[in-house]
Amino acid sequence: MNKIVVDLQVPLGTLQVASVYVPLSRVKRAEDIVILRPFDMKFIEDLLLSARL
C-alpha cells in the first residue's frame, strides 16, 4: 500500500491492539501516513500495554 489516512480515535469498546497496529503496519514510511484527527495517546499506550500482559 502506498499511502493511507488513518483514524486513531478508537471507538469505545474496541479493545484489540490490531485496531491500531494493522493500519499503521501497512505503510513503509511515516511520511505516507496521514492521521485524520487528534487521538488519545494514553488510550493507545494502555491498549498496547494490556496486549503484552
Protein backbone atom coordinates (compact mmCIF):
# COMPACT_ATOMS: atom_id res chain seq x y z
CA MET A 1 0.00 0.00 0.00
CA ASN A 2 1.40 3.41 -0.87
CA LYS A 3 -0.27 5.97 1.42
CA ILE A 4 -3.06 5.85 3.98
CA VAL A 5 -5.33 8.10 6.02
CA VAL A 6 -5.91 6.55 9.43
CA ASP A 7 -8.31 7.43 12.24
CA LEU A 8 -6.66 6.59 15.56
CA GLN A 9 -9.61 7.82 17.61
CA VAL A 10 -10.53 4.26 18.51
CA PRO A 11 -14.25 3.72 19.21
CA LEU A 12 -15.22 2.94 22.79
CA GLY A 13 -15.38 -0.78 23.36
CA THR A 14 -12.59 -1.51 20.88
CA LEU A 15 -10.01 -3.42 22.88
CA GLN A 16 -7.97 -5.12 20.22
CA VAL A 17 -4.49 -3.84 19.58
CA ALA A 18 -5.00 -4.81 15.93
CA SER A 19 -7.35 -1.85 15.50
CA VAL A 20 -4.30 0.40 15.88
CA TYR A 21 -1.50 -1.84 14.61
CA VAL A 22 -2.98 -3.04 11.32
CA PRO A 23 -3.50 0.33 9.61
CA LEU A 24 -0.10 1.62 10.76
CA SER A 25 1.70 -1.52 9.63
CA ARG A 26 0.52 -1.18 6.04
CA VAL A 27 2.96 1.57 5.07
CA LYS A 28 6.73 1.62 4.96
CA ARG A 29 7.41 5.28 5.79
CA ALA A 30 5.94 7.70 8.34
CA GLU A 31 5.58 10.26 5.54
CA ASP A 32 2.96 8.01 3.96
CA ILE A 33 0.56 8.22 6.92
CA VAL A 34 -1.96 10.99 7.49
CA ILE A 35 -3.71 10.91 10.87
CA LEU A 36 -7.30 12.04 10.40
CA ARG A 37 -7.86 13.76 13.76
CA PRO A 38 -6.38 14.12 17.25
CA PHE A 39 -6.42 10.96 19.35
CA ASP A 40 -5.86 9.98 22.97
CA MET A 41 -2.29 8.69 23.12
CA LYS A 42 -2.85 7.43 26.69
CA PHE A 43 -5.61 5.11 25.43
CA ILE A 44 -3.28 3.70 22.76
CA GLU A 45 -0.46 3.20 25.28
CA ASP A 46 -2.83 1.41 27.67
CA LEU A 47 -4.09 -0.74 24.81
CA LEU A 48 -0.54 -1.76 23.88
CA LEU A 49 0.40 -2.47 27.50
CA SER A 50 -2.66 -4.65 28.04
CA ALA A 51 -1.82 -6.63 24.89
CA ARG A 52 1.56 -7.55 26.39
CA LEU A 53 0.08 -9.00 29.59
